[in-house]
C-alpha atoms as a PDB file:
ATOM      1  CA  UNK A   1       0.352   0.263  -0.016  1.00  0.00           C
ATOM      2  CA  UNK A   2       0.798   3.723  -0.694  1.00  0.00           C
ATOM      3  CA  UNK A   3      -0.455   5.230   2.464  1.00  0.00           C
ATOM      4  CA  UNK A   4      -0.352   9.392   2.317  1.00  0.00           C
ATOM      5  CA  UNK A   5      -1.670  12.148   4.317  1.00  0.00           C
ATOM      6  CA  UNK A   6      -3.698  15.005   1.963  1.00  0.00           C
ATOM      7  CA  UNK A   7      -5.896  17.815   1.851  1.00  0.00           C
ATOM      8  CA  UNK A   8      -8.695  18.970  -0.940  1.00  0.00           C
ATOM      9  CA  UNK A   9      -6.871  21.919  -2.341  1.00  0.00           C
ATOM     10  CA  UNK A  10      -7.937  25.292  -0.987  1.00  0.00           C
ATOM     11  CA  UNK A  11      -9.122  23.936   2.470  1.00  0.00           C
ATOM     12  CA  UNK A  12      -8.015  23.036   5.793  1.00  0.00           C
ATOM     13  CA  UNK A  13      -9.052  19.447   6.536  1.00  0.00           C
ATOM     14  CA  UNK A  14      -6.291  16.744   6.599  1.00  0.00           C
ATOM     15  CA  UNK A  15      -7.160  13.214   5.767  1.00  0.00           C
ATOM     16  CA  UNK A  16      -5.407  10.044   6.004  1.00  0.00           C
ATOM     17  CA  UNK A  17      -5.723   7.404   3.004  1.00  0.00           C
ATOM     18  CA  UNK A  18      -4.416   5.627   0.473  1.00  0.00           C
ATOM     19  CA  UNK A  19      -3.078   5.691  -3.396  1.00  0.00           C
ATOM     20  CA  UNK A  20      -5.591   3.515  -5.513  1.00  0.00           C
ATOM     21  CA  UNK A  21      -4.711   3.557  -9.409  1.00  0.00           C
ATOM     22  CA  UNK A  22      -3.339   7.470  -8.992  1.00  0.00           C
ATOM     23  CA  UNK A  23      -6.589   8.418  -7.736  1.00  0.00           C
ATOM     24  CA  UNK A  24      -6.713   9.232  -3.523  1.00  0.00           C
ATOM     25  CA  UNK A  25      -9.163   7.910  -1.569  1.00  0.00           C
ATOM     26  CA  UNK A  26      -9.288   8.323   2.568  1.00  0.00           C
ATOM     27  CA  UNK A  27      -9.919   5.296   4.866  1.00  0.00           C
ATOM     28  CA  UNK A  28     -12.879   7.565   6.419  1.00  0.00           C
ATOM     29  CA  UNK A  29     -14.772   7.625   2.892  1.00  0.00           C
ATOM     30  CA  UNK A  30     -13.828   4.066   2.747  1.00  0.00           C
ATOM     31  CA  UNK A  31     -15.022   3.047   6.080  1.00  0.00           C
ATOM     32  CA  UNK A  32     -18.063   4.918   5.287  1.00  0.00           C
ATOM     33  CA  UNK A  33     -18.837   3.527   1.922  1.00  0.00           C
ATOM     34  CA  UNK A  34     -18.038  -0.209   2.594  1.00  0.00           C
ATOM     35  CA  UNK A  35     -18.960  -0.513   6.608  1.00  0.00           C
ATOM     36  CA  UNK A  36     -15.632  -2.339   7.301  1.00  0.00           C
ATOM     37  CA  UNK A  37     -13.557  -1.299  10.479  1.00  0.00           C
ATOM     38  CA  UNK A  38     -11.559   1.846  10.367  1.00  0.00           C
ATOM     39  CA  UNK A  39     -10.983   2.601  13.900  1.00  0.00           C
ATOM     40  CA  UNK A  40      -6.957   2.255  13.636  1.00  0.00           C
ATOM     41  CA  UNK A  41      -6.860   4.805  10.369  1.00  0.00           C
ATOM     42  CA  UNK A  42      -7.806   7.761  11.960  1.00  0.00           C
ATOM     43  CA  UNK A  43      -4.485   9.211  11.154  1.00  0.00           C
ATOM     44  CA  UNK A  44      -0.834   7.889  10.759  1.00  0.00           C
ATOM     45  CA  UNK A  45       0.223   8.311  13.822  1.00  0.00           C
ATOM     46  CA  UNK A  46      -2.429   5.640  15.055  1.00  0.00           C
ATOM     47  CA  UNK A  47      -1.923   3.179  12.183  1.00  0.00           C
ATOM     48  CA  UNK A  48       1.766   3.096  13.157  1.00  0.00           C
ATOM     49  CA  UNK A  49       1.277   2.418  16.977  1.00  0.00           C
ATOM     50  CA  UNK A  50      -1.301  -0.823  16.088  1.00  0.00           C
ATOM     51  CA  UNK A  51       0.275  -2.790  13.845  1.00  0.00           C
ATOM     52  CA  UNK A  52      -0.188  -5.673  12.516  1.00  0.00           C
ATOM     53  CA  UNK A  53      -3.961  -5.067  13.186  1.00  0.00           C
ATOM     54  CA  UNK A  54      -3.999  -1.343  11.503  1.00  0.00           C
ATOM     55  CA  UNK A  55      -2.204  -2.479   8.438  1.00  0.00           C
ATOM     56  CA  UNK A  56      -5.343  -5.281   8.222  1.00  0.00           C
ATOM     57  CA  UNK A  57      -7.780  -3.131   8.825  1.00  0.00           C
ATOM     58  CA  UNK A  58      -6.165  -0.889   5.882  1.00  0.00           C
ATOM     59  CA  UNK A  59      -5.924  -3.881   3.509  1.00  0.00           C
ATOM     60  CA  UNK A  60      -9.505  -4.711   3.793  1.00  0.00           C
ATOM     61  CA  UNK A  61     -10.476  -1.354   2.501  1.00  0.00           C
ATOM     62  CA  UNK A  62      -8.067  -1.150  -0.070  1.00  0.00           C
ATOM     63  CA  UNK A  63      -9.481  -4.516  -1.337  1.00  0.00           C
ATOM     64  CA  UNK A  64     -12.989  -2.927  -1.115  1.00  0.00           C
ATOM     65  CA  UNK A  65     -11.648   0.295  -2.660  1.00  0.00           C
ATOM     66  CA  UNK A  66     -10.384  -1.290  -5.837  1.00  0.00           C
ATOM     67  CA  UNK A  67     -13.799  -2.789  -6.451  1.00  0.00           C
ATOM     68  CA  UNK A  68     -15.183   0.213  -5.570  1.00  0.00           C
ATOM     69  CA  UNK A  69     -13.375   2.449  -7.444  1.00  0.00           C
ATOM     70  CA  UNK A  70     -14.766   1.327 -10.761  1.00  0.00           C
ATOM     71  CA  UNK A  71     -18.065   3.051 -10.173  1.00  0.00           C
ATOM     72  CA  UNK A  72     -16.875   5.753  -7.655  1.00  0.00           C
ATOM     73  CA  UNK A  73     -17.857   9.427  -8.137  1.00  0.00           C
ATOM     74  CA  UNK A  74     -15.350  12.109  -8.025  1.00  0.00           C
ATOM     75  CA  UNK A  75     -16.648  13.315  -4.407  1.00  0.00           C
ATOM     76  CA  UNK A  76     -15.595  10.052  -2.943  1.00  0.00           C
ATOM     77  CA  UNK A  77     -12.339   9.436  -4.605  1.00  0.00           C
ATOM     78  CA  UNK A  78      -9.926  12.121  -6.004  1.00  0.00           C
ATOM     79  CA  UNK A  79      -7.816  12.408  -9.033  1.00  0.00           C
ATOM     80  CA  UNK A  80      -3.892  12.539  -7.574  1.00  0.00           C
ATOM     81  CA  UNK A  81      -3.693  16.097  -9.676  1.00  0.00           C
ATOM     82  CA  UNK A  82      -6.774  17.522  -7.588  1.00  0.00           C
ATOM     83  CA  UNK A  83      -5.604  16.727  -3.918  1.00  0.00           C
ATOM     84  CA  UNK A  84      -2.268  18.802  -1.816  1.00  0.00           C
ATOM     85  CA  UNK A  85      -0.048  15.931  -0.522  1.00  0.00           C
ATOM     86  CA  UNK A  86       1.398  16.241   2.664  1.00  0.00           C
ATOM     87  CA  UNK A  87       4.219  14.658   4.431  1.00  0.00           C
ATOM     88  CA  UNK A  88       3.126  11.410   5.158  1.00  0.00           C
ATOM     89  CA  UNK A  89       3.751  11.441   8.812  1.00  0.00           C
ATOM     90  CA  UNK A  90       1.402  13.313  11.081  1.00  0.00           C
ATOM     91  CA  UNK A  91       4.564  13.769  13.604  1.00  0.00           C
ATOM     92  CA  UNK A  92       7.806  12.428  13.622  1.00  0.00           C
ATOM     93  CA  UNK A  93       8.980  10.902  17.251  1.00  0.00           C
ATOM     94  CA  UNK A  94      12.896  10.908  16.309  1.00  0.00           C
ATOM     95  CA  UNK A  95      14.875  11.196  13.190  1.00  0.00           C
ATOM     96  CA  UNK A  96      18.434   9.176  12.455  1.00  0.00           C
ATOM     97  CA  UNK A  97      20.629   9.553  10.154  1.00  0.00           C
ATOM     98  CA  UNK A  98      23.142   6.733   9.269  1.00  0.00           C
ATOM     99  CA  UNK A  99      25.915   6.939   6.455  1.00  0.00           C
ATOM    100  CA  UNK A 100      25.326   3.358   4.978  1.00  0.00           C
ATOM    101  CA  UNK A 101      26.764   4.344   1.825  1.00  0.00           C
ATOM    102  CA  UNK A 102      30.347   4.787   1.928  1.00  0.00           C
ATOM    103  CA  UNK A 103      31.031   5.811  -1.917  1.00  0.00           C
ATOM    104  CA  UNK A 104      28.958   8.999  -0.993  1.00  0.00           C
ATOM    105  CA  UNK A 105      30.985   9.530   2.098  1.00  0.00           C
ATOM    106  CA  UNK A 106      34.409   9.537   0.034  1.00  0.00           C
ATOM    107  CA  UNK A 107      33.317  11.732  -2.718  1.00  0.00           C
ATOM    108  CA  UNK A 108      31.689  14.441  -0.161  1.00  0.00           C
ATOM    109  CA  UNK A 109      35.076  13.992   1.759  1.00  0.00           C
ATOM    110  CA  UNK A 110      37.247  14.793  -1.447  1.00  0.00           C
ATOM    111  CA  UNK A 111      34.524  17.838  -2.416  1.00  0.00           C
ATOM    112  CA  UNK A 112      35.141  19.354   1.379  1.00  0.00           C
ATOM    113  CA  UNK A 113      38.699  18.883   0.960  1.00  0.00           C
ATOM    114  CA  UNK A 114      38.802  20.754  -2.135  1.00  0.00           C
ATOM    115  CA  UNK A 115      36.615  23.685  -0.474  1.00  0.00           C
ATOM    116  CA  UNK A 116      38.356  23.636   2.617  1.00  0.00           C
ATOM    117  CA  UNK A 117      41.848  23.365   2.193  1.00  0.00           C
ATOM    118  CA  UNK A 118      45.248  24.471   0.641  1.00  0.00           C
ATOM    119  CA  UNK A 119      48.300  22.436  -1.246  1.00  0.00           C
ATOM    120  CA  UNK A 120      50.112  20.549   0.363  1.00  0.00           C
ATOM    121  CA  UNK A 121      47.627  19.812   2.962  1.00  0.00           C
ATOM    122  CA  UNK A 122      44.873  19.074   0.321  1.00  0.00           C
ATOM    123  CA  UNK A 123      46.770  16.689  -1.169  1.00  0.00           C
ATOM    124  CA  UNK A 124      47.807  14.865   2.049  1.00  0.00           C
ATOM    125  CA  UNK A 125      44.320  14.803   3.271  1.00  0.00           C
ATOM    126  CA  UNK A 126      42.930  13.076   0.398  1.00  0.00           C
ATOM    127  CA  UNK A 127      45.480  10.354   0.454  1.00  0.00           C
ATOM    128  CA  UNK A 128      44.267   9.944   3.997  1.00  0.00           C
ATOM    129  CA  UNK A 129      40.943   9.784   2.760  1.00  0.00           C
ATOM    130  CA  UNK A 130      41.413   7.124   0.036  1.00  0.00           C
ATOM    131  CA  UNK A 131      43.385   4.983   2.389  1.00  0.00           C
ATOM    132  CA  UNK A 132      40.829   5.385   5.403  1.00  0.00           C
ATOM    133  CA  UNK A 133      37.329   4.058   2.890  1.00  0.00           C
ATOM    134  CA  UNK A 134      39.531   1.441   1.498  1.00  0.00           C
ATOM    135  CA  UNK A 135      39.889  -0.053   5.112  1.00  0.00           C
ATOM    136  CA  UNK A 136      35.849   0.938   5.830  1.00  0.00           C
ATOM    137  CA  UNK A 137      35.303  -1.167   3.211  1.00  0.00           C
ATOM    138  CA  UNK A 138      36.361  -4.262   5.027  1.00  0.00           C
ATOM    139  CA  UNK A 139      33.716  -3.185   7.836  1.00  0.00           C
ATOM    140  CA  UNK A 140      30.295  -1.993   8.576  1.00  0.00           C
ATOM    141  CA  UNK A 141      30.455   0.999  10.958  1.00  0.00           C
ATOM    142  CA  UNK A 142      27.264   1.645  12.537  1.00  0.00           C
ATOM    143  CA  UNK A 143      26.959   5.430  13.637  1.00  0.00           C
ATOM    144  CA  UNK A 144      24.076   7.946  13.331  1.00  0.00           C
ATOM    145  CA  UNK A 145      23.525  11.261  14.649  1.00  0.00           C
ATOM    146  CA  UNK A 146      20.261  12.574  16.013  1.00  0.00           C
ATOM    147  CA  UNK A 147      18.204  15.403  13.285  1.00  0.00           C
ATOM    148  CA  UNK A 148      15.630  18.033  13.916  1.00  0.00           C
ATOM    149  CA  UNK A 149      12.904  15.992  14.060  1.00  0.00           C
ATOM    150  CA  UNK A 150      10.590  18.945  14.434  1.00  0.00           C
ATOM    151  CA  UNK A 151      11.441  20.740  11.296  1.00  0.00           C
ATOM    152  CA  UNK A 152       9.886  18.854   8.206  1.00  0.00           C
ATOM    153  CA  UNK A 153       8.716  19.096   4.989  1.00  0.00           C
ATOM    154  CA  UNK A 154       6.416  17.506   2.417  1.00  0.00           C
ATOM    155  CA  UNK A 155       5.766  17.297  -1.200  1.00  0.00           C
ATOM    156  CA  UNK A 156       5.875  20.583  -3.118  1.00  0.00           C
ATOM    157  CA  UNK A 157       6.898  22.458  -0.527  1.00  0.00           C
ATOM    158  CA  UNK A 158       9.496  25.305  -0.906  1.00  0.00           C
ATOM    159  CA  UNK A 159      12.738  24.672   1.209  1.00  0.00           C
ATOM    160  CA  UNK A 160      14.185  27.438   3.410  1.00  0.00           C
ATOM    161  CA  UNK A 161      17.669  28.905   2.250  1.00  0.00           C
ATOM    162  CA  UNK A 162      19.614  29.809   5.698  1.00  0.00           C
ATOM    163  CA  UNK A 163      21.330  33.344   5.252  1.00  0.00           C
ATOM    164  CA  UNK A 164      24.448  31.828   6.572  1.00  0.00           C
ATOM    165  CA  UNK A 165      25.286  29.104   3.501  1.00  0.00           C
ATOM    166  CA  UNK A 166      25.792  29.673   0.048  1.00  0.00           C
ATOM    167  CA  UNK A 167      25.976  26.071  -0.539  1.00  0.00           C
ATOM    168  CA  UNK A 168      22.545  24.730  -0.084  1.00  0.00           C
ATOM    169  CA  UNK A 169      22.379  21.021  -1.182  1.00  0.00           C
ATOM    170  CA  UNK A 170      19.830  18.191  -1.425  1.00  0.00           C
ATOM    171  CA  UNK A 171      20.271  14.582   0.151  1.00  0.00           C
ATOM    172  CA  UNK A 172      18.348  11.346  -0.957  1.00  0.00           C
ATOM    173  CA  UNK A 173      18.000   9.204   1.374  1.00  0.00           C
ATOM    174  CA  UNK A 174      15.661   5.939   1.667  1.00  0.00           C
ATOM    175  CA  UNK A 175      13.928   6.407   4.778  1.00  0.00           C
ATOM    176  CA  UNK A 176      12.725   3.658   7.462  1.00  0.00           C
ATOM    177  CA  UNK A 177       9.828   4.188   9.207  1.00  0.00           C
ATOM    178  CA  UNK A 178       9.115   2.214  12.733  1.00  0.00           C
ATOM    179  CA  UNK A 179       5.949   1.115  13.626  1.00  0.00           C
ATOM    180  CA  UNK A 180       5.102  -0.838  16.978  1.00  0.00           C
ATOM    181  CA  UNK A 181       3.446  -4.452  16.739  1.00  0.00           C
ATOM    182  CA  UNK A 182       1.546  -5.777  19.464  1.00  0.00           C
ATOM    183  CA  UNK A 183       1.490  -9.119  20.576  1.00  0.00           C
ATOM    184  CA  UNK A 184       2.094 -11.817  23.117  1.00  0.00           C
ATOM    185  CA  UNK A 185       5.362 -10.210  23.902  1.00  0.00           C
ATOM    186  CA  UNK A 186       4.226  -6.556  24.160  1.00  0.00           C
ATOM    187  CA  UNK A 187       5.366  -3.736  21.946  1.00  0.00           C
ATOM    188  CA  UNK A 188       7.767  -4.727  19.562  1.00  0.00           C
ATOM    189  CA  UNK A 189       9.484  -2.117  17.127  1.00  0.00           C
ATOM    190  CA  UNK A 190       8.847  -3.271  13.447  1.00  0.00           C
ATOM    191  CA  UNK A 191       9.584  -1.610   9.772  1.00  0.00           C
ATOM    192  CA  UNK A 192       6.243  -0.467   8.839  1.00  0.00           C
ATOM    193  CA  UNK A 193       7.310   0.984   5.734  1.00  0.00           C
ATOM    194  CA  UNK A 194       9.752   3.083   3.725  1.00  0.00           C
ATOM    195  CA  UNK A 195       9.764   6.953   2.435  1.00  0.00           C
ATOM    196  CA  UNK A 196      11.979   9.215   0.517  1.00  0.00           C
ATOM    197  CA  UNK A 197      14.091  11.472   2.904  1.00  0.00           C
ATOM    198  CA  UNK A 198      15.771  14.195   1.685  1.00  0.00           C
ATOM    199  CA  UNK A 199      17.837  15.708   4.127  1.00  0.00           C
ATOM    200  CA  UNK A 200      18.663  19.483   3.030  1.00  0.00           C
ATOM    201  CA  UNK A 201      22.252  20.302   3.923  1.00  0.00           C
ATOM    202  CA  UNK A 202      24.350  23.520   4.214  1.00  0.00           C
ATOM    203  CA  UNK A 203      27.356  22.478   3.219  1.00  0.00           C
ATOM    204  CA  UNK A 204      29.761  25.635   3.527  1.00  0.00           C
ATOM    205  CA  UNK A 205      29.305  25.410   7.261  1.00  0.00           C
ATOM    206  CA  UNK A 206      29.516  21.681   8.096  1.00  0.00           C
ATOM    207  CA  UNK A 207      33.255  21.474   8.214  1.00  0.00           C
ATOM    208  CA  UNK A 208      32.810  23.934  11.264  1.00  0.00           C
ATOM    209  CA  UNK A 209      30.244  21.726  12.761  1.00  0.00           C
ATOM    210  CA  UNK A 210      32.167  18.538  12.405  1.00  0.00           C
ATOM    211  CA  UNK A 211      35.088  20.399  14.278  1.00  0.00           C
ATOM    212  CA  UNK A 212      32.752  21.472  17.508  1.00  0.00           C
ATOM    213  CA  UNK A 213      32.204  17.325  17.846  1.00  0.00           C
ATOM    214  CA  UNK A 214      28.690  18.349  18.892  1.00  0.00           C
ATOM    215  CA  UNK A 215      26.881  16.947  15.247  1.00  0.00           C
ATOM    216  CA  UNK A 216      25.902  18.577  12.489  1.00  0.00           C
ATOM    217  CA  UNK A 217      23.203  21.102  13.659  1.00  0.00           C
ATOM    218  CA  UNK A 218      23.896  24.302  11.854  1.00  0.00           C
ATOM    219  CA  UNK A 219      24.181  22.228   8.616  1.00  0.00           C
ATOM    220  CA  UNK A 220      20.999  20.243   9.308  1.00  0.00           C
ATOM    221  CA  UNK A 221      18.648  21.599  11.673  1.00  0.00           C
ATOM    222  CA  UNK A 222      17.694  24.798  10.068  1.00  0.00           C
ATOM    223  CA  UNK A 223      13.890  25.333   9.226  1.00  0.00           C
ATOM    224  CA  UNK A 224      12.096  22.507   6.632  1.00  0.00           C
ATOM    225  CA  UNK A 225      15.253  20.908   6.303  1.00  0.00           C
ATOM    226  CA  UNK A 226      13.863  17.358   6.617  1.00  0.00           C
ATOM    227  CA  UNK A 227      11.758  16.403   3.346  1.00  0.00           C
ATOM    228  CA  UNK A 228       9.686  12.793   3.311  1.00  0.00           C
ATOM    229  CA  UNK A 229       7.020  11.808   0.862  1.00  0.00           C
ATOM    230  CA  UNK A 230       5.189  11.588  -1.197  1.00  0.00           C
ATOM    231  CA  UNK A 231       3.947   8.069   0.495  1.00  0.00           C
ATOM    232  CA  UNK A 232       4.309   5.817   3.337  1.00  0.00           C
ATOM    233  CA  UNK A 233       4.753   2.457   1.149  1.00  0.00           C
ATOM    234  CA  UNK A 234       4.394  -0.940   3.245  1.00  0.00           C
ATOM    235  CA  UNK A 235       7.237  -3.372   3.308  1.00  0.00           C
ATOM    236  CA  UNK A 236       5.241  -5.818   1.266  1.00  0.00           C
ATOM    237  CA  UNK A 237       5.271  -3.659  -2.161  1.00  0.00           C
ATOM    238  CA  UNK A 238       9.498  -3.078  -1.240  1.00  0.00           C
ATOM    239  CA  UNK A 239      10.616  -6.815  -2.287  1.00  0.00           C
ATOM    240  CA  UNK A 240      14.167  -5.641  -1.857  1.00  0.00           C
ATOM    241  CA  UNK A 241      14.949  -2.222  -0.462  1.00  0.00           C
ATOM    242  CA  UNK A 242      18.445  -2.613  -1.611  1.00  0.00           C
ATOM    243  CA  UNK A 243      17.545  -2.898  -5.525  1.00  0.00           C
ATOM    244  CA  UNK A 244      15.832   0.445  -5.846  1.00  0.00           C
ATOM    245  CA  UNK A 245      16.974   2.623  -8.710  1.00  0.00           C
ATOM    246  CA  UNK A 246      17.209   6.272  -7.518  1.00  0.00           C
ATOM    247  CA  UNK A 247      17.056   9.361  -9.896  1.00  0.00           C
ATOM    248  CA  UNK A 248      17.204  13.021  -9.083  1.00  0.00           C
ATOM    249  CA  UNK A 249      16.011  15.958 -11.683  1.00  0.00           C
ATOM    250  CA  UNK A 250      17.364  19.418 -10.974  1.00  0.00           C
ATOM    251  CA  UNK A 251      15.645  21.954 -13.178  1.00  0.00           C
ATOM    252  CA  UNK A 252      16.688  21.171 -16.423  1.00  0.00           C
ATOM    253  CA  UNK A 253      20.241  21.310 -15.595  1.00  0.00           C
ATOM    254  CA  UNK A 254      21.066  17.981 -14.092  1.00  0.00           C
ATOM    255  CA  UNK A 255      19.904  14.472 -14.029  1.00  0.00           C
ATOM    256  CA  UNK A 256      21.771  12.457 -11.279  1.00  0.00           C
ATOM    257  CA  UNK A 257      21.301   8.628 -11.137  1.00  0.00           C
ATOM    258  CA  UNK A 258      22.235   5.985  -8.334  1.00  0.00           C
ATOM    259  CA  UNK A 259      20.550   3.145  -6.325  1.00  0.00           C
ATOM    260  CA  UNK A 260      20.047   1.814  -3.041  1.00  0.00           C
ATOM    261  CA  UNK A 261      22.071  -1.234  -3.702  1.00  0.00           C
ATOM    262  CA  UNK A 262      25.368   1.118  -2.612  1.00  0.00           C
ATOM    263  CA  UNK A 263      23.918   0.597   0.941  1.00  0.00           C
ATOM    264  CA  UNK A 264      25.965  -1.749   2.957  1.00  0.00           C
ATOM    265  CA  UNK A 265      23.557  -2.943   5.542  1.00  0.00           C
ATOM    266  CA  UNK A 266      20.100  -4.121   5.351  1.00  0.00           C
ATOM    267  CA  UNK A 267      17.388  -2.045   6.948  1.00  0.00           C
ATOM    268  CA  UNK A 268      16.397  -5.212   9.322  1.00  0.00           C
ATOM    269  CA  UNK A 269      19.957  -5.096  10.858  1.00  0.00           C
ATOM    270  CA  UNK A 270      20.023  -1.349  11.092  1.00  0.00           C
ATOM    271  CA  UNK A 271      16.311  -1.571  13.420  1.00  0.00           C
ATOM    272  CA  UNK A 272      18.460  -4.546  14.863  1.00  0.00           C
ATOM    273  CA  UNK A 273      21.387  -2.299  15.650  1.00  0.00           C
ATOM    274  CA  UNK A 274      19.329   0.712  16.880  1.00  0.00           C
ATOM    275  CA  UNK A 275      17.635  -1.725  19.358  1.00  0.00           C
ATOM    276  CA  UNK A 276      20.591  -2.605  21.316  1.00  0.00           C
ATOM    277  CA  UNK A 277      20.699   1.250  22.420  1.00  0.00           C
ATOM    278  CA  UNK A 278      16.974   1.996  22.955  1.00  0.00           C
ATOM    279  CA  UNK A 279      13.635   1.038  21.471  1.00  0.00           C
ATOM    280  CA  UNK A 280      12.264   3.461  19.005  1.00  0.00           C
ATOM    281  CA  UNK A 281       9.172   4.858  19.048  1.00  0.00           C
ATOM    282  CA  UNK A 282       6.624   4.529  16.783  1.00  0.00           C
ATOM    283  CA  UNK A 283       6.969   7.337  13.985  1.00  0.00           C
ATOM    284  CA  UNK A 284      10.662   7.204  14.303  1.00  0.00           C
ATOM    285  CA  UNK A 285      12.378   7.644  10.636  1.00  0.00           C
ATOM    286  CA  UNK A 286      16.257   6.279  10.358  1.00  0.00           C
ATOM    287  CA  UNK A 287      17.597   7.451   7.236  1.00  0.00           C
ATOM    288  CA  UNK A 288      20.157   4.809   5.562  1.00  0.00           C
ATOM    289  CA  UNK A 289      22.542   7.606   4.313  1.00  0.00           C
ATOM    290  CA  UNK A 290      23.024   9.633   1.117  1.00  0.00           C
ATOM    291  CA  UNK A 291      22.539   7.832  -2.124  1.00  0.00           C
ATOM    292  CA  UNK A 292      26.245   8.148  -4.321  1.00  0.00           C
ATOM    293  CA  UNK A 293      26.485  10.675  -6.904  1.00  0.00           C
ATOM    294  CA  UNK A 294      22.594  11.947  -6.303  1.00  0.00           C
ATOM    295  CA  UNK A 295      24.043  14.847  -4.241  1.00  0.00           C
ATOM    296  CA  UNK A 296      25.681  18.575  -4.819  1.00  0.00           C
ATOM    297  CA  UNK A 297      28.690  17.371  -2.477  1.00  0.00           C
ATOM    298  CA  UNK A 298      28.959  14.042  -4.501  1.00  0.00           C
ATOM    299  CA  UNK A 299      29.798  16.113  -7.453  1.00  0.00           C
ATOM    300  CA  UNK A 300      30.673  19.901  -6.596  1.00  0.00           C
ATOM    301  CA  UNK A 301      27.579  20.687  -8.511  1.00  0.00           C
ATOM    302  CA  UNK A 302      24.831  23.202  -6.820  1.00  0.00           C
ATOM    303  CA  UNK A 303      21.099  23.949  -6.715  1.00  0.00           C
ATOM    304  CA  UNK A 304      20.178  27.500  -7.544  1.00  0.00           C
ATOM    305  CA  UNK A 305      17.293  29.598  -6.437  1.00  0.00           C
ATOM    306  CA  UNK A 306      13.969  28.681  -8.094  1.00  0.00           C
ATOM    307  CA  UNK A 307      14.900  24.838  -8.887  1.00  0.00           C
ATOM    308  CA  UNK A 308      12.446  22.620  -9.027  1.00  0.00           C
ATOM    309  CA  UNK A 309      13.797  18.965  -7.472  1.00  0.00           C
ATOM    310  CA  UNK A 310      12.389  15.897  -8.093  1.00  0.00           C
ATOM    311  CA  UNK A 311      13.549  12.902  -6.127  1.00  0.00           C
ATOM    312  CA  UNK A 312      12.267   9.637  -7.843  1.00  0.00           C
ATOM    313  CA  UNK A 313      12.940   6.001  -6.121  1.00  0.00           C
ATOM    314  CA  UNK A 314      11.722   2.969  -7.617  1.00  0.00           C
ATOM    315  CA  UNK A 315       8.228   1.779  -5.707  1.00  0.00           C
ATOM    316  CA  UNK A 316       8.117   4.821  -3.579  1.00  0.00           C
ATOM    317  CA  UNK A 317       7.196   7.461  -6.064  1.00  0.00           C
ATOM    318  CA  UNK A 318       8.654  11.076  -6.580  1.00  0.00           C
ATOM    319  CA  UNK A 319       9.255  13.764  -3.986  1.00  0.00           C
ATOM    320  CA  UNK A 320       8.918  17.087  -5.651  1.00  0.00           C
ATOM    321  CA  UNK A 321      10.167  20.296  -3.637  1.00  0.00           C
ATOM    322  CA  UNK A 322      11.174  23.896  -4.809  1.00  0.00           C
ATOM    323  CA  UNK A 323      14.217  26.079  -4.063  1.00  0.00           C
ATOM    324  CA  UNK A 324      13.221  29.629  -2.899  1.00  0.00           C
ATOM    325  CA  UNK A 325      13.587  32.323  -6.114  1.00  0.00           C
ATOM    326  CA  UNK A 326      14.376  35.049  -3.822  1.00  0.00           C
ATOM    327  CA  UNK A 327      17.061  34.621  -1.237  1.00  0.00           C
ATOM    328  CA  UNK A 328      18.181  36.344   2.099  1.00  0.00           C
ATOM    329  CA  UNK A 329      21.013  38.834   2.078  1.00  0.00           C
ATOM    330  CA  UNK A 330      23.571  35.892   2.304  1.00  0.00           C
ATOM    331  CA  UNK A 331      26.252  36.453   5.180  1.00  0.00           C
ATOM    332  CA  UNK A 332      30.219  35.403   3.947  1.00  0.00           C
ATOM    333  CA  UNK A 333      30.843  31.697   2.618  1.00  0.00           C
ATOM    334  CA  UNK A 334      34.020  30.051   3.701  1.00  0.00           C
ATOM    335  CA  UNK A 335      34.012  28.902   0.491  1.00  0.00           C
ATOM    336  CA  UNK A 336      33.561  32.174  -1.308  1.00  0.00           C
ATOM    337  CA  UNK A 337      30.709  33.740  -3.278  1.00  0.00           C
ATOM    338  CA  UNK A 338      28.605  31.678  -5.986  1.00  0.00           C
ATOM    339  CA  UNK A 339      28.729  33.794  -9.111  1.00  0.00           C
ATOM    340  CA  UNK A 340      25.803  32.167 -10.127  1.00  0.00           C
ATOM    341  CA  UNK A 341      23.737  33.184  -7.174  1.00  0.00           C
ATOM    342  CA  UNK A 342      25.190  36.648  -6.381  1.00  0.00           C
ATOM    343  CA  UNK A 343      22.221  38.608  -7.944  1.00  0.00           C
ATOM    344  CA  UNK A 344      19.611  36.844  -6.121  1.00  0.00           C
ATOM    345  CA  UNK A 345      21.335  37.310  -2.682  1.00  0.00           C
ATOM    346  CA  UNK A 346      21.350  40.905  -3.441  1.00  0.00           C
ATOM    347  CA  UNK A 347      17.125  40.647  -4.102  1.00  0.00           C
ATOM    348  CA  UNK A 348      16.334  41.667  -0.644  1.00  0.00           C
END
C-alpha cells in the first residue's frame, strides 16, 4: 500500500488515506461506503502504533476500494492532481541518520577538502581519505546523528535557504519508518514502511560543525530541512529495499542517478542495531544515508534559486520540492561567493 496524508486544495482538513491507481481516497470515506472497520486508521500516528491490526484494517478497505473505484464518483475518490499531498507522517517521533553509503562519504570528503584546504595539505588529506575508505570497505560502521525531527517538509513545499549558507544541498535517502507491533510479547518495534527522505544540508558550514564535535547542527537543523514523501510505502510493496533505482532531476540542468544497492546494510539489521541502544517509538524515521552521485556534495554541483527538485525512487514515487526564488542577504561563505547566485542574494 501507498499510504498518504492529503487535503483538498483550498481546504484545511487533513485526511489519512491511500493511493488507488493514481487516485486518492481517505480511509474515512472507504469506511463509510463499505461499513468495514477503520478504528485504527484515523491518522498515520494511530496506524503506526497499532500494527499489525491497523495494517489488516487498511488492507481490507483497500481491497474494497479497488472494487468500488470502478463506479466511484469524484466526491469520494479524487484524481491525484486534485489534492495537496502532505508529509505522510503526522509527527516524526525521532529522526536518526546513518551513513551506509561509503562512496558518498568518500566523494563528499573530497569535495570538502577541495573547498576547505590548500596544497600541500589538500593532497595529504585526499591520500588519507582514500586510504581510510579502503579500510572501511572491509567493515560496517554503525554511527548515526540525531536530526531535528520537528523541522519537516512535504511534497511540493518550498525549502528554506538560510542566510548563513551559499551552498545549499539536497540528500536523497531511503527512510525507514518504524511502527509498533502488538503481540504476546508486548510492544515490538518493526519496519512499517519506507519513505523518500530529503536531508537538506548547508555544506559550507558543515566543516565547522564537524570541528565542534557536537554533530551537524547548523548545517542540518534549520527550518524545513527534512523532506518526506510522497507516500509511506508498506514493506510488501518493496520486495528488496536494496535494489531500488534512484534518479534526481534538478530543474532542466542535471539528472543524477544512483541506487540503494550501494547501501552496505539491510534495513532489518539497522533496526536491530538501534534496538540494542533503545526501543524506537512509533513514528521514528531512520535515514540510511545519501545515495552516491545524487547530491551536490558528491559532484560539486549546486542547486540554484527557483530550482524544481524531483527525487524518484523505484516503488516509492517522486518527492518534488522547490528552492526559493528569493534569497536573504547571504552572509560571507567560507567557500567564497558563488557567481551564479550573487545577484539573487542581493534581491533583498
